[in-house]
Every structure is written in structure tokens, then in C-alpha cells.
């Protein structure tokens, strides 16, 4: 081994240590961001009488339209029993109803109430406004880099087996 090879090998170890420290610092920022956003989300949803799980179901229903609980369970990748509990809670709080299907009298469709529609529209507007607060002042190239980096992180998490929340 030449002196240059030894030096190169040593530098590589130093680079690995530097990379590990940078990765740990980046992960710390992601974890802090997660805690801050989670706390804010819980407070906001609680004010509307919702939970994160029930809200996830509302987002899914918004995407699917009126549908049977099984379709919601499949889309959310959760058990039908869990969906039943979530729908029960949303029915009790007035966000959705169970309506007979016009196409199949044996089927029941989960459908938004006016309160549920208004809640989802309000959540969408809050999301847009919060997005503007967070990102509008950021230079476009930095914002594009942030989005690309987050896409990379999310892709890695999905490849590791973590599922999408909605």
C-alpha cells in the first residue's frame, strides 16, 4: 500500500465520521420538525373535534368519494374493524353518515355530511395557508431542493416498509 492509499483510506474514515455527524444532525432536525408539526396538528384537529386517524379517513373519503367501509380499509391499509370504529366516531360527531348504496341495496356507503364537507374544506384551506407561511419566503431553488430531498427521504422510508398514512 502506498502512502497515498493510506492517506486516502484515512480520509475516507474521517469522511464517514463527518457524514455520520451530518446525518445525525439532519435526522435531529427531521425529528424536531415531526414533533412540532405533530403537536400543531393535534391541537388544530382537537379544536375541530377530530383525531389524526379520523382525519386520515376523511382525506381518504375525499379522494374516493362515497364508498363502502371495505374500500376505505383497503385504501388506508388498515383492518375493516379499525375502519368501523373510525366511522362510528365520525358518525357520532356528525362528519359522515352511512347511506344505502343506490347500486346495491345490501351495501352501505360512507358519505360526508355537510359538516364533514365543511371540515375537509377548512382543513384544505388551513393546509394551503400554513404551506404559504412555511415556504413562500423561501427562494424557489431552495424550495425545490427541499422538496426533492424530502421525496428522497420518503422514498427511502417507503422502501424500508413504512406505509403511507393516507
N, C-alpha and C. Protein backbone atom coordinates (compact mmCIF):
# COMPACT_ATOMS: atom_id res chain seq x y z
N UNK A 1 0.85 -1.18 0.00
CA UNK A 1 0.00 0.00 0.00
C UNK A 1 0.89 1.23 0.00
N UNK A 2 0.60 2.18 -0.84
CA UNK A 2 1.39 3.39 -0.91
C UNK A 2 0.90 4.38 0.13
N UNK A 3 1.72 5.36 0.34
CA UNK A 3 1.36 6.39 1.30
C UNK A 3 0.05 7.08 0.89
N UNK A 4 -0.13 7.32 -0.39
CA UNK A 4 -1.36 7.96 -0.85
C UNK A 4 -2.58 7.10 -0.56
N UNK A 5 -2.43 5.76 -0.74
CA UNK A 5 -3.54 4.88 -0.43
C UNK A 5 -3.90 4.93 1.05
N UNK A 6 -2.86 4.94 1.90
CA UNK A 6 -3.11 5.01 3.34
C UNK A 6 -3.82 6.31 3.69
N UNK A 7 -3.33 7.40 3.09
CA UNK A 7 -3.93 8.70 3.37
C UNK A 7 -5.37 8.73 2.87
N UNK A 8 -5.59 8.18 1.68
CA UNK A 8 -6.93 8.13 1.12
C UNK A 8 -7.85 7.32 2.02
N UNK A 9 -7.37 6.18 2.52
CA UNK A 9 -8.17 5.34 3.39
C UNK A 9 -8.49 6.08 4.68
N UNK A 10 -7.51 6.76 5.23
CA UNK A 10 -7.72 7.52 6.46
C UNK A 10 -8.75 8.63 6.23
N UNK A 11 -8.62 9.34 5.15
CA UNK A 11 -9.57 10.41 4.85
C UNK A 11 -10.99 9.86 4.71
N UNK A 12 -11.09 8.68 4.12
CA UNK A 12 -12.41 8.09 3.94
C UNK A 12 -13.08 7.83 5.30
N UNK A 13 -12.31 7.34 6.25
CA UNK A 13 -12.86 7.11 7.60
C UNK A 13 -13.26 8.43 8.23
N UNK A 14 -12.46 9.44 8.04
CA UNK A 14 -12.80 10.75 8.57
C UNK A 14 -14.05 11.29 7.90
N UNK A 15 -14.16 11.05 6.59
CA UNK A 15 -15.36 11.48 5.86
C UNK A 15 -16.58 10.75 6.39
N UNK A 16 -16.45 9.44 6.63
CA UNK A 16 -17.58 8.67 7.16
C UNK A 16 -18.04 9.24 8.50
N UNK A 17 -17.08 9.58 9.36
CA UNK A 17 -17.43 10.15 10.67
C UNK A 17 -18.11 11.49 10.49
N UNK A 18 -17.61 12.28 9.57
CA UNK A 18 -18.24 13.58 9.29
C UNK A 18 -19.63 13.41 8.71
N UNK A 19 -19.75 12.44 7.79
CA UNK A 19 -21.06 12.16 7.21
C UNK A 19 -22.03 11.70 8.30
N UNK A 20 -21.57 10.80 9.16
CA UNK A 20 -22.44 10.30 10.24
C UNK A 20 -22.92 11.44 11.13
N UNK A 21 -22.03 12.37 11.44
CA UNK A 21 -22.42 13.52 12.27
C UNK A 21 -23.43 14.39 11.53
N UNK A 22 -23.21 14.60 10.25
CA UNK A 22 -24.15 15.41 9.45
C UNK A 22 -25.50 14.70 9.32
N UNK A 23 -25.47 13.38 9.13
CA UNK A 23 -26.72 12.61 9.05
C UNK A 23 -27.49 12.68 10.36
N UNK A 24 -26.77 12.57 11.47
CA UNK A 24 -27.41 12.65 12.79
C UNK A 24 -28.03 14.03 13.00
N UNK A 25 -27.32 15.07 12.59
CA UNK A 25 -27.85 16.43 12.73
C UNK A 25 -29.09 16.63 11.86
N UNK A 26 -29.07 16.08 10.65
CA UNK A 26 -30.23 16.17 9.76
C UNK A 26 -31.41 15.40 10.35
N UNK A 27 -31.14 14.22 10.88
CA UNK A 27 -32.20 13.43 11.49
C UNK A 27 -32.78 14.15 12.71
N UNK A 28 -31.91 14.79 13.49
CA UNK A 28 -32.40 15.58 14.64
C UNK A 28 -33.37 16.66 14.17
N UNK A 29 -33.04 17.32 13.07
CA UNK A 29 -33.93 18.36 12.54
C UNK A 29 -35.26 17.77 12.08
N UNK A 30 -35.20 16.61 11.40
CA UNK A 30 -36.44 15.96 10.96
C UNK A 30 -37.30 15.55 12.16
N UNK A 31 -36.65 15.03 13.19
CA UNK A 31 -37.40 14.62 14.38
C UNK A 31 -38.04 15.83 15.07
N UNK A 32 -37.30 16.93 15.18
CA UNK A 32 -37.85 18.14 15.77
C UNK A 32 -39.02 18.66 14.93
N UNK A 33 -38.85 18.66 13.62
CA UNK A 33 -39.92 19.07 12.72
C UNK A 33 -41.15 18.19 12.91
N UNK A 34 -40.94 16.89 13.03
CA UNK A 34 -42.04 15.96 13.24
C UNK A 34 -42.78 16.26 14.54
N UNK A 35 -42.05 16.51 15.60
CA UNK A 35 -42.67 16.82 16.89
C UNK A 35 -43.46 18.12 16.80
N UNK A 36 -42.87 19.15 16.21
CA UNK A 36 -43.56 20.44 16.11
C UNK A 36 -44.83 20.34 15.26
N UNK A 37 -44.73 19.70 14.11
CA UNK A 37 -45.90 19.56 13.24
C UNK A 37 -46.97 18.67 13.88
N UNK A 38 -46.54 17.61 14.55
CA UNK A 38 -47.48 16.71 15.22
C UNK A 38 -48.24 17.44 16.33
N UNK A 39 -47.52 18.21 17.14
CA UNK A 39 -48.18 18.97 18.21
C UNK A 39 -49.18 19.97 17.64
N UNK A 40 -48.78 20.68 16.59
CA UNK A 40 -49.66 21.66 15.96
C UNK A 40 -50.89 20.97 15.37
N UNK A 41 -50.68 19.83 14.71
CA UNK A 41 -51.78 19.10 14.10
C UNK A 41 -52.77 18.63 15.17
N UNK A 42 -52.26 18.05 16.25
CA UNK A 42 -53.15 17.56 17.31
C UNK A 42 -53.99 18.69 17.89
N UNK A 43 -53.36 19.84 18.14
CA UNK A 43 -54.11 20.98 18.68
C UNK A 43 -55.18 21.44 17.70
N UNK A 44 -54.83 21.57 16.44
CA UNK A 44 -55.79 22.03 15.44
C UNK A 44 -56.94 21.06 15.24
N UNK A 45 -56.62 19.78 15.18
CA UNK A 45 -57.68 18.79 14.98
C UNK A 45 -58.58 18.70 16.19
N UNK A 46 -57.99 18.78 17.37
CA UNK A 46 -58.77 18.71 18.61
C UNK A 46 -59.78 19.86 18.65
N UNK A 47 -59.37 21.03 18.17
CA UNK A 47 -60.28 22.17 18.12
C UNK A 47 -61.49 21.88 17.23
N UNK A 48 -61.29 21.04 16.20
CA UNK A 48 -62.37 20.68 15.28
C UNK A 48 -63.09 19.40 15.69
N UNK A 49 -62.69 18.81 16.84
CA UNK A 49 -63.33 17.57 17.29
C UNK A 49 -62.87 16.35 16.52
N UNK A 50 -61.65 16.39 16.01
CA UNK A 50 -61.12 15.28 15.21
C UNK A 50 -59.85 14.70 15.84
N UNK A 51 -59.47 13.54 15.35
CA UNK A 51 -58.20 12.92 15.71
C UNK A 51 -57.42 12.71 14.41
N UNK A 52 -56.12 12.46 14.50
CA UNK A 52 -55.36 12.18 13.27
C UNK A 52 -55.91 10.98 12.49
N UNK A 53 -56.32 9.92 13.17
CA UNK A 53 -56.84 8.74 12.48
C UNK A 53 -58.16 9.04 11.78
N UNK A 54 -59.03 9.75 12.45
CA UNK A 54 -60.31 10.11 11.83
C UNK A 54 -60.09 11.06 10.64
N UNK A 55 -59.14 11.96 10.80
CA UNK A 55 -58.83 12.89 9.71
C UNK A 55 -58.26 12.14 8.52
N UNK A 56 -57.42 11.17 8.77
CA UNK A 56 -56.89 10.35 7.69
C UNK A 56 -58.03 9.67 6.92
N UNK A 57 -59.02 9.20 7.65
CA UNK A 57 -60.18 8.59 6.99
C UNK A 57 -60.93 9.63 6.15
N UNK A 58 -61.07 10.84 6.68
CA UNK A 58 -61.75 11.90 5.92
C UNK A 58 -61.00 12.21 4.62
N UNK A 59 -59.66 12.28 4.69
CA UNK A 59 -58.85 12.53 3.48
C UNK A 59 -59.07 11.41 2.47
N UNK A 60 -59.12 10.18 2.98
CA UNK A 60 -59.33 9.03 2.10
C UNK A 60 -60.71 9.10 1.46
N UNK A 61 -61.72 9.41 2.24
CA UNK A 61 -63.08 9.52 1.72
C UNK A 61 -63.17 10.66 0.70
N UNK A 62 -62.46 11.73 0.94
CA UNK A 62 -62.43 12.84 -0.03
C UNK A 62 -61.89 12.36 -1.36
N UNK A 63 -60.85 11.55 -1.32
CA UNK A 63 -60.22 11.03 -2.54
C UNK A 63 -61.12 10.00 -3.23
N UNK A 64 -61.76 9.12 -2.44
CA UNK A 64 -62.54 8.02 -3.02
C UNK A 64 -63.98 8.41 -3.37
N UNK A 65 -64.53 9.36 -2.63
CA UNK A 65 -65.95 9.65 -2.75
C UNK A 65 -66.74 8.64 -1.92
N UNK A 66 -68.06 8.78 -1.89
CA UNK A 66 -68.87 7.84 -1.10
C UNK A 66 -68.54 6.40 -1.47
N UNK A 67 -68.27 5.58 -0.45
CA UNK A 67 -67.84 4.21 -0.72
C UNK A 67 -68.08 3.32 0.50
N UNK A 68 -68.03 2.00 0.27
CA UNK A 68 -68.16 1.06 1.40
C UNK A 68 -66.94 1.14 2.32
N UNK A 69 -67.14 0.74 3.55
CA UNK A 69 -66.05 0.75 4.52
C UNK A 69 -64.88 -0.13 4.07
N UNK A 70 -65.16 -1.22 3.38
CA UNK A 70 -64.09 -2.10 2.91
C UNK A 70 -63.15 -1.36 1.96
N UNK A 71 -63.71 -0.52 1.10
CA UNK A 71 -62.87 0.26 0.17
C UNK A 71 -61.98 1.22 0.95
N UNK A 72 -62.50 1.79 2.02
CA UNK A 72 -61.71 2.69 2.87
C UNK A 72 -60.59 1.91 3.55
N UNK A 73 -60.94 0.74 4.10
CA UNK A 73 -59.94 -0.09 4.78
C UNK A 73 -58.83 -0.47 3.80
N UNK A 74 -59.20 -0.87 2.59
CA UNK A 74 -58.20 -1.24 1.59
C UNK A 74 -57.31 -0.04 1.24
N UNK A 75 -57.92 1.12 1.03
CA UNK A 75 -57.15 2.30 0.66
C UNK A 75 -56.22 2.76 1.78
N UNK A 76 -56.68 2.62 3.01
CA UNK A 76 -55.87 3.06 4.15
C UNK A 76 -54.91 1.97 4.65
N UNK A 77 -55.07 0.77 4.11
CA UNK A 77 -54.25 -0.38 4.52
C UNK A 77 -54.37 -0.64 6.01
N UNK A 78 -55.64 -0.63 6.49
CA UNK A 78 -55.93 -0.96 7.88
C UNK A 78 -57.08 -1.96 7.90
N UNK A 79 -57.34 -2.53 9.05
CA UNK A 79 -58.37 -3.57 9.12
C UNK A 79 -59.77 -2.98 9.00
N UNK A 80 -60.69 -3.75 8.45
CA UNK A 80 -62.09 -3.29 8.41
C UNK A 80 -62.63 -2.96 9.80
N UNK A 81 -62.21 -3.72 10.80
CA UNK A 81 -62.66 -3.46 12.16
C UNK A 81 -62.22 -2.06 12.64
N UNK A 82 -60.99 -1.69 12.31
CA UNK A 82 -60.50 -0.35 12.67
C UNK A 82 -61.31 0.72 11.96
N UNK A 83 -61.61 0.49 10.67
CA UNK A 83 -62.42 1.46 9.93
C UNK A 83 -63.80 1.59 10.55
N UNK A 84 -64.38 0.48 10.98
CA UNK A 84 -65.70 0.53 11.62
C UNK A 84 -65.66 1.45 12.83
N UNK A 85 -64.64 1.33 13.65
CA UNK A 85 -64.51 2.19 14.83
C UNK A 85 -64.34 3.66 14.46
N UNK A 86 -63.54 3.92 13.44
CA UNK A 86 -63.33 5.31 13.00
C UNK A 86 -64.62 5.89 12.43
N UNK A 87 -65.31 5.10 11.60
CA UNK A 87 -66.56 5.58 11.01
C UNK A 87 -67.60 5.79 12.12
N UNK A 88 -67.68 4.88 13.07
CA UNK A 88 -68.61 5.05 14.20
C UNK A 88 -68.37 6.40 14.87
N UNK A 89 -67.11 6.72 15.12
CA UNK A 89 -66.78 8.00 15.76
C UNK A 89 -67.14 9.19 14.90
N UNK A 90 -66.91 9.08 13.60
CA UNK A 90 -67.23 10.18 12.69
C UNK A 90 -68.74 10.34 12.51
N UNK A 91 -69.48 9.24 12.56
CA UNK A 91 -70.94 9.31 12.51
C UNK A 91 -71.45 9.98 13.78
N UNK A 92 -70.92 9.57 14.93
CA UNK A 92 -71.37 10.11 16.22
C UNK A 92 -71.11 11.61 16.34
N UNK A 93 -70.03 12.09 15.70
CA UNK A 93 -69.69 13.52 15.78
C UNK A 93 -70.22 14.30 14.58
N UNK A 94 -70.95 13.62 13.68
CA UNK A 94 -71.64 14.32 12.61
C UNK A 94 -70.85 14.62 11.36
N UNK A 95 -69.69 13.97 11.18
CA UNK A 95 -68.88 14.24 9.99
C UNK A 95 -69.26 13.39 8.79
N UNK A 96 -69.76 12.17 9.03
CA UNK A 96 -70.16 11.27 7.95
C UNK A 96 -71.44 10.56 8.34
N UNK A 97 -72.07 9.96 7.34
CA UNK A 97 -73.22 9.09 7.56
C UNK A 97 -72.98 7.78 6.82
N UNK A 98 -73.77 6.80 7.19
CA UNK A 98 -73.81 5.55 6.43
C UNK A 98 -75.12 5.58 5.64
N UNK A 99 -75.01 5.52 4.33
CA UNK A 99 -76.19 5.61 3.47
C UNK A 99 -76.31 4.35 2.63
N UNK A 100 -77.53 3.91 2.34
CA UNK A 100 -77.70 2.76 1.45
C UNK A 100 -77.15 3.09 0.06
N UNK A 101 -76.51 2.12 -0.55
CA UNK A 101 -75.99 2.29 -1.90
C UNK A 101 -77.12 2.24 -2.90
N UNK A 102 -77.19 3.20 -3.81
CA UNK A 102 -78.24 3.15 -4.83
C UNK A 102 -78.02 1.99 -5.82
N UNK A 103 -76.79 1.51 -5.93
CA UNK A 103 -76.48 0.44 -6.88
C UNK A 103 -76.67 -0.96 -6.28
N UNK A 104 -76.57 -1.07 -4.95
CA UNK A 104 -76.67 -2.38 -4.31
C UNK A 104 -77.32 -2.19 -2.94
N UNK A 105 -78.56 -2.62 -2.82
CA UNK A 105 -79.30 -2.35 -1.59
C UNK A 105 -78.70 -3.03 -0.37
N UNK A 106 -77.80 -4.02 -0.57
CA UNK A 106 -77.12 -4.66 0.57
C UNK A 106 -75.92 -3.85 1.05
N UNK A 107 -75.43 -2.99 0.19
CA UNK A 107 -74.21 -2.23 0.51
C UNK A 107 -74.57 -0.91 1.20
N UNK A 108 -73.64 -0.47 2.03
CA UNK A 108 -73.77 0.81 2.73
C UNK A 108 -72.56 1.66 2.35
N UNK A 109 -72.81 2.91 2.03
CA UNK A 109 -71.74 3.83 1.64
C UNK A 109 -71.47 4.83 2.76
N UNK A 110 -70.22 5.05 3.04
CA UNK A 110 -69.83 6.12 3.96
C UNK A 110 -69.83 7.40 3.13
N UNK A 111 -70.55 8.41 3.62
CA UNK A 111 -70.77 9.64 2.86
C UNK A 111 -70.56 10.84 3.78
N UNK A 112 -70.00 11.91 3.23
CA UNK A 112 -69.85 13.14 4.00
C UNK A 112 -71.20 13.75 4.34
N UNK A 113 -71.28 14.32 5.53
CA UNK A 113 -72.39 15.21 5.87
C UNK A 113 -71.94 16.62 5.47
N UNK A 114 -72.83 17.59 5.50
CA UNK A 114 -72.38 18.97 5.25
C UNK A 114 -71.27 19.39 6.23
N UNK A 115 -71.38 18.95 7.48
CA UNK A 115 -70.33 19.27 8.47
C UNK A 115 -69.00 18.65 8.05
N UNK A 116 -69.03 17.42 7.57
CA UNK A 116 -67.80 16.75 7.14
C UNK A 116 -67.19 17.42 5.94
N UNK A 117 -68.02 17.79 4.97
CA UNK A 117 -67.53 18.50 3.79
C UNK A 117 -66.90 19.83 4.19
N UNK A 118 -67.56 20.57 5.07
CA UNK A 118 -67.03 21.85 5.53
C UNK A 118 -65.71 21.66 6.28
N UNK A 119 -65.63 20.60 7.09
CA UNK A 119 -64.40 20.35 7.84
C UNK A 119 -63.23 20.06 6.91
N UNK A 120 -63.46 19.24 5.88
CA UNK A 120 -62.38 18.91 4.94
C UNK A 120 -61.97 20.15 4.16
N UNK A 121 -62.94 20.95 3.73
CA UNK A 121 -62.60 22.18 3.02
C UNK A 121 -61.81 23.13 3.92
N UNK A 122 -62.18 23.23 5.18
CA UNK A 122 -61.46 24.06 6.14
C UNK A 122 -60.03 23.54 6.33
N UNK A 123 -59.89 22.22 6.46
CA UNK A 123 -58.56 21.63 6.61
C UNK A 123 -57.69 21.91 5.38
N UNK A 124 -58.29 21.83 4.20
CA UNK A 124 -57.54 22.13 2.97
C UNK A 124 -57.07 23.59 2.97
N UNK A 125 -57.94 24.49 3.35
CA UNK A 125 -57.57 25.91 3.38
C UNK A 125 -56.50 26.17 4.44
N UNK A 126 -56.62 25.53 5.60
CA UNK A 126 -55.59 25.67 6.63
C UNK A 126 -54.25 25.15 6.13
N UNK A 127 -54.29 24.03 5.41
CA UNK A 127 -53.07 23.44 4.87
C UNK A 127 -52.42 24.40 3.86
N UNK A 128 -53.23 24.97 2.98
CA UNK A 128 -52.70 25.93 2.00
C UNK A 128 -52.07 27.12 2.70
N UNK A 129 -52.78 27.67 3.69
CA UNK A 129 -52.28 28.83 4.40
C UNK A 129 -50.99 28.53 5.16
N UNK A 130 -50.94 27.38 5.80
CA UNK A 130 -49.73 27.00 6.54
C UNK A 130 -48.58 26.78 5.58
N UNK A 131 -48.86 26.17 4.44
CA UNK A 131 -47.83 25.99 3.41
C UNK A 131 -47.26 27.33 2.96
N UNK A 132 -48.14 28.31 2.75
CA UNK A 132 -47.66 29.64 2.36
C UNK A 132 -46.79 30.24 3.46
N UNK A 133 -47.22 30.09 4.73
CA UNK A 133 -46.42 30.61 5.84
C UNK A 133 -45.03 30.00 5.87
N UNK A 134 -44.97 28.69 5.66
CA UNK A 134 -43.69 27.99 5.76
C UNK A 134 -42.76 28.24 4.57
N UNK A 135 -43.32 28.31 3.37
CA UNK A 135 -42.47 28.23 2.18
C UNK A 135 -42.45 29.45 1.28
N UNK A 136 -43.37 30.39 1.41
CA UNK A 136 -43.46 31.49 0.46
C UNK A 136 -42.20 32.37 0.43
N UNK A 137 -41.55 32.55 1.56
CA UNK A 137 -40.37 33.41 1.61
C UNK A 137 -39.09 32.68 1.19
N UNK A 138 -39.18 31.37 1.00
CA UNK A 138 -38.01 30.56 0.65
C UNK A 138 -37.70 30.74 -0.84
N UNK A 139 -36.44 30.97 -1.20
CA UNK A 139 -36.09 31.06 -2.62
C UNK A 139 -36.51 29.78 -3.35
N UNK A 140 -36.97 29.94 -4.59
CA UNK A 140 -37.52 28.80 -5.35
C UNK A 140 -36.54 27.64 -5.48
N UNK A 141 -35.27 27.92 -5.69
CA UNK A 141 -34.30 26.82 -5.85
C UNK A 141 -34.11 26.07 -4.53
N UNK A 142 -34.12 26.79 -3.42
CA UNK A 142 -34.00 26.13 -2.12
C UNK A 142 -35.25 25.31 -1.83
N UNK A 143 -36.43 25.85 -2.18
CA UNK A 143 -37.68 25.12 -2.00
C UNK A 143 -37.68 23.84 -2.85
N UNK A 144 -37.24 23.95 -4.10
CA UNK A 144 -37.18 22.78 -4.98
C UNK A 144 -36.23 21.72 -4.40
N UNK A 145 -35.10 22.17 -3.85
CA UNK A 145 -34.15 21.24 -3.23
C UNK A 145 -34.75 20.58 -1.99
N UNK A 146 -35.50 21.35 -1.21
CA UNK A 146 -36.16 20.79 -0.03
C UNK A 146 -37.15 19.70 -0.44
N UNK A 147 -37.97 20.01 -1.43
CA UNK A 147 -38.97 19.04 -1.90
C UNK A 147 -38.29 17.79 -2.44
N UNK A 148 -37.24 17.97 -3.23
CA UNK A 148 -36.52 16.82 -3.79
C UNK A 148 -35.89 15.98 -2.66
N UNK A 149 -35.31 16.64 -1.68
CA UNK A 149 -34.72 15.92 -0.56
C UNK A 149 -35.76 15.17 0.26
N UNK A 150 -36.90 15.80 0.49
CA UNK A 150 -37.97 15.13 1.22
C UNK A 150 -38.51 13.94 0.43
N UNK A 151 -38.61 14.09 -0.89
CA UNK A 151 -39.03 12.96 -1.73
C UNK A 151 -38.05 11.79 -1.60
N UNK A 152 -36.75 12.11 -1.55
CA UNK A 152 -35.74 11.06 -1.37
C UNK A 152 -35.93 10.35 -0.02
N UNK A 153 -36.12 11.13 1.04
CA UNK A 153 -36.30 10.56 2.38
C UNK A 153 -37.57 9.70 2.42
N UNK A 154 -38.65 10.22 1.87
CA UNK A 154 -39.91 9.46 1.87
C UNK A 154 -39.77 8.18 1.05
N UNK A 155 -39.08 8.25 -0.08
CA UNK A 155 -38.84 7.05 -0.88
C UNK A 155 -38.07 6.00 -0.11
N UNK A 156 -37.07 6.43 0.63
CA UNK A 156 -36.28 5.51 1.45
C UNK A 156 -37.15 4.89 2.55
N UNK A 157 -37.97 5.71 3.20
CA UNK A 157 -38.85 5.19 4.26
C UNK A 157 -39.85 4.18 3.70
N UNK A 158 -40.41 4.47 2.54
CA UNK A 158 -41.34 3.52 1.91
C UNK A 158 -40.61 2.24 1.54
N UNK A 159 -39.38 2.35 1.04
CA UNK A 159 -38.59 1.16 0.68
C UNK A 159 -38.27 0.33 1.93
N UNK A 160 -38.19 0.97 3.09
CA UNK A 160 -37.94 0.27 4.34
C UNK A 160 -39.22 -0.37 4.90
N UNK A 161 -40.35 -0.13 4.23
CA UNK A 161 -41.60 -0.78 4.64
C UNK A 161 -42.56 0.11 5.39
N UNK A 162 -42.25 1.38 5.60
CA UNK A 162 -43.20 2.26 6.27
C UNK A 162 -44.31 2.59 5.29
N UNK A 163 -45.55 2.56 5.79
CA UNK A 163 -46.70 2.80 4.91
C UNK A 163 -47.10 4.26 4.92
N UNK A 164 -47.81 4.63 3.89
CA UNK A 164 -48.36 5.98 3.80
C UNK A 164 -49.50 6.11 4.78
N UNK A 165 -49.64 7.29 5.44
CA UNK A 165 -50.72 7.43 6.42
C UNK A 165 -52.08 7.67 5.80
N UNK A 166 -52.15 8.04 4.54
CA UNK A 166 -53.44 8.23 3.86
C UNK A 166 -53.24 8.19 2.38
